[in-house]
Amino acid sequence: MIPFVVVPAHDEATTVGEVVRRARLHAPVIVVDDGSTDGTAEAAVAAGADVRRHARRLGKAQALRTGVVAARARGATHVVTLDADNQLPSTTAQGGSGGQCAWGTLGIGP
């Protein structure tokens, strides 16, 4: 199993770094900067993420697509997505004591 974390982000410079630092404890992180104008990409790089950039805002769905394609190109067999706003407590993200964890699969193709 080769997991990656994909984080779509738009104007989240103040929070994306902490999300990346926590996620990197578990897997490599790819942040997709969806046309931000506030330094989101720079904050993600400083925290250790691989960053892909959209020149203009294309929306969360396209940012997720870009991130999954990048993760698969790097050999990912599993992808976890996280929001860049850091509103999910770390115990929830890690499935720790009292936390919540959501599991799911997405079938692609026929």
N, C-alpha and C. Protein backbone atom coordinates (compact mmCIF):
# COMPACT_ATOMS: atom_id res chain seq x y z
N MET A 1 0.84 -1.17 0.00
CA MET A 1 0.00 0.00 0.00
C MET A 1 0.89 1.24 0.00
N ILE A 2 0.62 2.17 -0.93
CA ILE A 2 1.37 3.42 -1.02
C ILE A 2 0.36 4.57 -0.92
N PRO A 3 0.18 5.10 0.29
CA PRO A 3 -0.80 6.19 0.47
C PRO A 3 -0.20 7.57 0.19
N PHE A 4 -1.02 8.48 -0.25
CA PHE A 4 -0.69 9.89 -0.40
C PHE A 4 -1.83 10.70 0.16
N VAL A 5 -1.54 11.90 0.62
CA VAL A 5 -2.57 12.83 1.07
C VAL A 5 -2.66 13.95 0.04
N VAL A 6 -3.87 14.27 -0.40
CA VAL A 6 -4.11 15.35 -1.35
C VAL A 6 -4.93 16.42 -0.64
N VAL A 7 -4.44 17.66 -0.73
CA VAL A 7 -5.09 18.78 -0.06
C VAL A 7 -5.40 19.86 -1.09
N PRO A 8 -6.67 20.00 -1.50
CA PRO A 8 -7.02 21.11 -2.38
C PRO A 8 -7.08 22.39 -1.53
N ALA A 9 -6.57 23.49 -2.07
CA ALA A 9 -6.50 24.71 -1.26
C ALA A 9 -6.73 25.96 -2.10
N HIS A 10 -7.50 26.88 -1.56
CA HIS A 10 -7.69 28.19 -2.18
C HIS A 10 -7.63 29.24 -1.08
N ASP A 11 -6.62 30.10 -1.15
CA ASP A 11 -6.43 31.18 -0.17
C ASP A 11 -6.46 30.67 1.28
N GLU A 12 -5.60 29.70 1.57
CA GLU A 12 -5.50 29.10 2.91
C GLU A 12 -4.08 29.22 3.45
N ALA A 13 -3.38 30.31 3.14
CA ALA A 13 -1.99 30.47 3.55
C ALA A 13 -1.80 30.39 5.07
N THR A 14 -2.79 30.82 5.83
CA THR A 14 -2.62 30.83 7.29
C THR A 14 -2.83 29.46 7.93
N THR A 15 -3.42 28.51 7.22
CA THR A 15 -3.71 27.22 7.84
C THR A 15 -3.09 26.02 7.14
N VAL A 16 -2.76 26.12 5.86
CA VAL A 16 -2.32 24.95 5.11
C VAL A 16 -1.02 24.36 5.65
N GLY A 17 -0.14 25.19 6.18
CA GLY A 17 1.12 24.68 6.70
C GLY A 17 0.94 23.68 7.81
N GLU A 18 0.06 23.98 8.75
CA GLU A 18 -0.20 23.06 9.86
C GLU A 18 -0.85 21.77 9.36
N VAL A 19 -1.76 21.86 8.42
CA VAL A 19 -2.38 20.66 7.83
C VAL A 19 -1.30 19.79 7.20
N VAL A 20 -0.42 20.39 6.44
CA VAL A 20 0.66 19.64 5.78
C VAL A 20 1.58 19.00 6.82
N ARG A 21 2.01 19.75 7.82
CA ARG A 21 2.92 19.20 8.83
C ARG A 21 2.31 17.98 9.52
N ARG A 22 1.05 18.05 9.86
CA ARG A 22 0.39 16.91 10.53
C ARG A 22 0.22 15.73 9.58
N ALA A 23 -0.19 16.01 8.35
CA ALA A 23 -0.42 14.92 7.39
C ALA A 23 0.88 14.23 7.01
N ARG A 24 1.98 14.97 6.94
CA ARG A 24 3.26 14.37 6.56
C ARG A 24 3.75 13.34 7.56
N LEU A 25 3.19 13.33 8.76
CA LEU A 25 3.53 12.29 9.73
C LEU A 25 3.05 10.92 9.27
N HIS A 26 2.11 10.91 8.31
CA HIS A 26 1.48 9.67 7.88
C HIS A 26 1.75 9.29 6.44
N ALA A 27 1.96 10.28 5.57
CA ALA A 27 2.14 10.00 4.15
C ALA A 27 2.65 11.25 3.44
N PRO A 28 3.21 11.08 2.23
CA PRO A 28 3.57 12.25 1.44
C PRO A 28 2.33 13.09 1.14
N VAL A 29 2.52 14.41 1.01
CA VAL A 29 1.40 15.33 0.83
C VAL A 29 1.55 16.11 -0.47
N ILE A 30 0.46 16.17 -1.23
CA ILE A 30 0.37 16.99 -2.43
C ILE A 30 -0.71 18.03 -2.18
N VAL A 31 -0.34 19.30 -2.26
CA VAL A 31 -1.29 20.39 -2.14
C VAL A 31 -1.55 20.93 -3.53
N VAL A 32 -2.82 21.10 -3.86
CA VAL A 32 -3.18 21.72 -5.14
C VAL A 32 -3.69 23.12 -4.84
N ASP A 33 -2.87 24.10 -5.22
CA ASP A 33 -3.22 25.51 -5.02
C ASP A 33 -4.14 25.91 -6.17
N ASP A 34 -5.40 26.14 -5.84
CA ASP A 34 -6.42 26.42 -6.85
C ASP A 34 -6.57 27.91 -7.10
N GLY A 35 -5.52 28.53 -7.66
CA GLY A 35 -5.58 29.94 -8.03
C GLY A 35 -5.50 30.91 -6.87
N SER A 36 -4.85 30.53 -5.79
CA SER A 36 -4.75 31.40 -4.62
C SER A 36 -3.94 32.66 -4.92
N THR A 37 -4.23 33.70 -4.14
CA THR A 37 -3.51 34.97 -4.27
C THR A 37 -2.86 35.39 -2.96
N ASP A 38 -2.82 34.49 -1.98
CA ASP A 38 -2.36 34.88 -0.64
C ASP A 38 -1.10 34.16 -0.15
N GLY A 39 -0.40 33.44 -1.00
CA GLY A 39 0.79 32.73 -0.54
C GLY A 39 0.54 31.31 -0.09
N THR A 40 -0.60 30.74 -0.44
CA THR A 40 -0.92 29.36 -0.06
C THR A 40 0.15 28.39 -0.54
N ALA A 41 0.54 28.49 -1.79
CA ALA A 41 1.53 27.55 -2.34
C ALA A 41 2.85 27.65 -1.59
N GLU A 42 3.29 28.85 -1.31
CA GLU A 42 4.56 29.05 -0.60
C GLU A 42 4.50 28.46 0.81
N ALA A 43 3.38 28.63 1.50
CA ALA A 43 3.23 28.07 2.84
C ALA A 43 3.25 26.55 2.80
N ALA A 44 2.62 25.97 1.78
CA ALA A 44 2.60 24.51 1.65
C ALA A 44 3.99 23.97 1.36
N VAL A 45 4.73 24.63 0.48
CA VAL A 45 6.10 24.20 0.17
C VAL A 45 6.96 24.29 1.42
N ALA A 46 6.85 25.39 2.17
CA ALA A 46 7.63 25.56 3.39
C ALA A 46 7.36 24.46 4.41
N ALA A 47 6.15 23.92 4.40
CA ALA A 47 5.78 22.85 5.33
C ALA A 47 6.16 21.47 4.81
N GLY A 48 6.64 21.41 3.56
CA GLY A 48 7.11 20.13 3.03
C GLY A 48 6.23 19.45 2.01
N ALA A 49 5.23 20.13 1.50
CA ALA A 49 4.34 19.52 0.52
C ALA A 49 4.89 19.66 -0.89
N ASP A 50 4.49 18.73 -1.73
CA ASP A 50 4.67 18.86 -3.17
C ASP A 50 3.47 19.68 -3.63
N VAL A 51 3.70 20.74 -4.39
CA VAL A 51 2.59 21.64 -4.75
C VAL A 51 2.37 21.65 -6.25
N ARG A 52 1.11 21.53 -6.62
CA ARG A 52 0.66 21.72 -8.00
C ARG A 52 -0.17 22.99 -7.99
N ARG A 53 -0.08 23.79 -9.05
CA ARG A 53 -0.79 25.07 -9.06
C ARG A 53 -1.70 25.20 -10.26
N HIS A 54 -2.89 25.70 -10.00
CA HIS A 54 -3.79 26.12 -11.07
C HIS A 54 -3.59 27.63 -11.23
N ALA A 55 -3.40 28.09 -12.45
CA ALA A 55 -3.18 29.52 -12.70
C ALA A 55 -4.39 30.36 -12.33
N ARG A 56 -5.57 29.75 -12.43
CA ARG A 56 -6.80 30.43 -12.02
C ARG A 56 -7.66 29.42 -11.29
N ARG A 57 -8.65 29.91 -10.57
CA ARG A 57 -9.50 29.02 -9.78
C ARG A 57 -10.35 28.15 -10.68
N LEU A 58 -10.22 26.85 -10.50
CA LEU A 58 -10.99 25.87 -11.28
C LEU A 58 -12.00 25.12 -10.42
N GLY A 59 -11.92 25.27 -9.11
CA GLY A 59 -12.87 24.62 -8.21
C GLY A 59 -12.27 23.41 -7.51
N LYS A 60 -12.92 23.04 -6.42
CA LYS A 60 -12.43 21.95 -5.58
C LYS A 60 -12.38 20.62 -6.33
N ALA A 61 -13.39 20.33 -7.14
CA ALA A 61 -13.41 19.05 -7.86
C ALA A 61 -12.21 18.92 -8.78
N GLN A 62 -11.89 19.98 -9.52
CA GLN A 62 -10.74 19.92 -10.41
C GLN A 62 -9.43 19.87 -9.62
N ALA A 63 -9.38 20.55 -8.50
CA ALA A 63 -8.19 20.48 -7.65
C ALA A 63 -7.98 19.05 -7.14
N LEU A 64 -9.06 18.40 -6.77
CA LEU A 64 -8.95 17.00 -6.34
C LEU A 64 -8.47 16.11 -7.49
N ARG A 65 -9.02 16.32 -8.68
CA ARG A 65 -8.58 15.54 -9.85
C ARG A 65 -7.09 15.74 -10.09
N THR A 66 -6.65 16.99 -10.07
CA THR A 66 -5.24 17.29 -10.28
C THR A 66 -4.37 16.58 -9.24
N GLY A 67 -4.80 16.61 -8.00
CA GLY A 67 -4.04 15.98 -6.92
C GLY A 67 -3.99 14.47 -7.04
N VAL A 68 -5.09 13.86 -7.39
CA VAL A 68 -5.12 12.40 -7.54
C VAL A 68 -4.25 11.97 -8.72
N VAL A 69 -4.32 12.69 -9.82
CA VAL A 69 -3.46 12.39 -10.97
C VAL A 69 -1.98 12.49 -10.56
N ALA A 70 -1.62 13.53 -9.82
CA ALA A 70 -0.24 13.71 -9.37
C ALA A 70 0.18 12.58 -8.43
N ALA A 71 -0.71 12.20 -7.53
CA ALA A 71 -0.40 11.12 -6.58
C ALA A 71 -0.21 9.79 -7.32
N ARG A 72 -1.09 9.50 -8.26
CA ARG A 72 -0.96 8.26 -9.03
C ARG A 72 0.32 8.24 -9.85
N ALA A 73 0.71 9.40 -10.38
CA ALA A 73 1.95 9.49 -11.15
C ALA A 73 3.16 9.19 -10.26
N ARG A 74 3.02 9.42 -8.97
CA ARG A 74 4.10 9.13 -8.02
C ARG A 74 3.95 7.75 -7.39
N GLY A 75 3.01 6.95 -7.89
CA GLY A 75 2.89 5.57 -7.43
C GLY A 75 1.87 5.30 -6.35
N ALA A 76 1.00 6.25 -6.07
CA ALA A 76 0.00 6.07 -5.01
C ALA A 76 -0.96 4.94 -5.35
N THR A 77 -1.25 4.13 -4.37
CA THR A 77 -2.30 3.11 -4.49
C THR A 77 -3.54 3.53 -3.71
N HIS A 78 -3.37 4.47 -2.78
CA HIS A 78 -4.47 4.98 -1.96
C HIS A 78 -4.29 6.48 -1.80
N VAL A 79 -5.39 7.21 -1.80
CA VAL A 79 -5.35 8.67 -1.64
C VAL A 79 -6.34 9.07 -0.56
N VAL A 80 -5.85 9.88 0.37
CA VAL A 80 -6.67 10.47 1.42
C VAL A 80 -6.76 11.95 1.10
N THR A 81 -7.94 12.54 1.21
CA THR A 81 -8.06 13.97 0.98
C THR A 81 -8.37 14.68 2.29
N LEU A 82 -7.78 15.86 2.45
CA LEU A 82 -8.01 16.69 3.62
C LEU A 82 -8.28 18.11 3.15
N ASP A 83 -9.12 18.83 3.86
CA ASP A 83 -9.32 20.24 3.58
C ASP A 83 -8.15 21.03 4.16
N ALA A 84 -7.85 22.16 3.56
CA ALA A 84 -6.71 22.98 3.96
C ALA A 84 -7.03 23.96 5.08
N ASP A 85 -8.28 23.99 5.55
CA ASP A 85 -8.66 25.01 6.53
C ASP A 85 -8.36 24.63 7.97
N ASN A 86 -7.85 23.43 8.21
CA ASN A 86 -7.43 22.98 9.54
C ASN A 86 -8.57 22.98 10.56
N GLN A 87 -9.79 22.75 10.11
CA GLN A 87 -10.92 22.73 11.04
C GLN A 87 -11.20 21.35 11.61
N LEU A 88 -10.51 20.33 11.12
CA LEU A 88 -10.71 18.97 11.61
C LEU A 88 -9.70 18.69 12.72
N PRO A 89 -10.14 18.41 13.96
CA PRO A 89 -9.19 18.14 15.04
C PRO A 89 -8.29 16.96 14.69
N SER A 90 -7.06 17.01 15.19
CA SER A 90 -6.10 15.95 14.85
C SER A 90 -6.56 14.59 15.31
N THR A 91 -7.29 14.48 16.44
CA THR A 91 -7.76 13.18 16.88
C THR A 91 -8.76 12.60 15.88
N THR A 92 -9.53 13.48 15.23
CA THR A 92 -10.47 13.01 14.23
C THR A 92 -9.73 12.55 12.98
N ALA A 93 -8.78 13.36 12.54
CA ALA A 93 -8.03 13.02 11.33
C ALA A 93 -7.26 11.73 11.50
N GLN A 94 -6.79 11.45 12.71
CA GLN A 94 -6.00 10.25 12.95
C GLN A 94 -6.86 9.08 13.43
N GLY A 95 -8.15 9.32 13.63
CA GLY A 95 -9.02 8.24 14.11
C GLY A 95 -8.71 7.85 15.55
N GLY A 96 -8.19 8.78 16.34
CA GLY A 96 -7.78 8.50 17.71
C GLY A 96 -8.97 8.32 18.64
N SER A 97 -8.68 8.22 19.91
CA SER A 97 -9.68 7.99 20.93
C SER A 97 -10.78 9.04 20.86
N GLY A 98 -12.00 8.60 20.68
CA GLY A 98 -13.13 9.51 20.65
C GLY A 98 -13.30 10.22 19.32
N GLY A 99 -12.41 9.99 18.38
CA GLY A 99 -12.48 10.67 17.10
C GLY A 99 -13.41 9.96 16.14
N GLN A 100 -13.62 10.57 15.00
CA GLN A 100 -14.43 9.99 13.96
C GLN A 100 -13.56 9.70 12.76
N CYS A 101 -13.85 8.63 12.09
CA CYS A 101 -13.06 8.28 10.91
C CYS A 101 -14.02 7.82 9.82
N ALA A 102 -13.88 8.36 8.65
CA ALA A 102 -14.73 7.98 7.54
C ALA A 102 -13.92 7.22 6.51
N TRP A 103 -14.38 6.07 6.11
CA TRP A 103 -13.70 5.24 5.11
C TRP A 103 -14.62 5.10 3.91
N GLY A 104 -14.06 5.07 2.75
CA GLY A 104 -14.89 4.90 1.57
C GLY A 104 -14.04 4.53 0.37
N THR A 105 -14.69 4.08 -0.66
CA THR A 105 -13.99 3.75 -1.89
C THR A 105 -14.72 4.39 -3.04
N LEU A 106 -14.01 4.64 -4.10
CA LEU A 106 -14.57 5.21 -5.29
C LEU A 106 -14.18 4.32 -6.45
N GLY A 107 -15.15 3.72 -7.08
CA GLY A 107 -14.86 2.90 -8.25
C GLY A 107 -14.82 3.76 -9.50
N ILE A 108 -13.80 3.58 -10.29
CA ILE A 108 -13.66 4.34 -11.53
C ILE A 108 -13.69 3.37 -12.70
N GLY A 109 -14.51 3.67 -13.65
CA GLY A 109 -14.58 2.81 -14.82
C GLY A 109 -15.82 1.93 -14.80
N PRO A 110 -15.94 1.07 -15.78
CA PRO A 110 -17.13 0.24 -15.87
C PRO A 110 -17.25 -0.79 -14.78
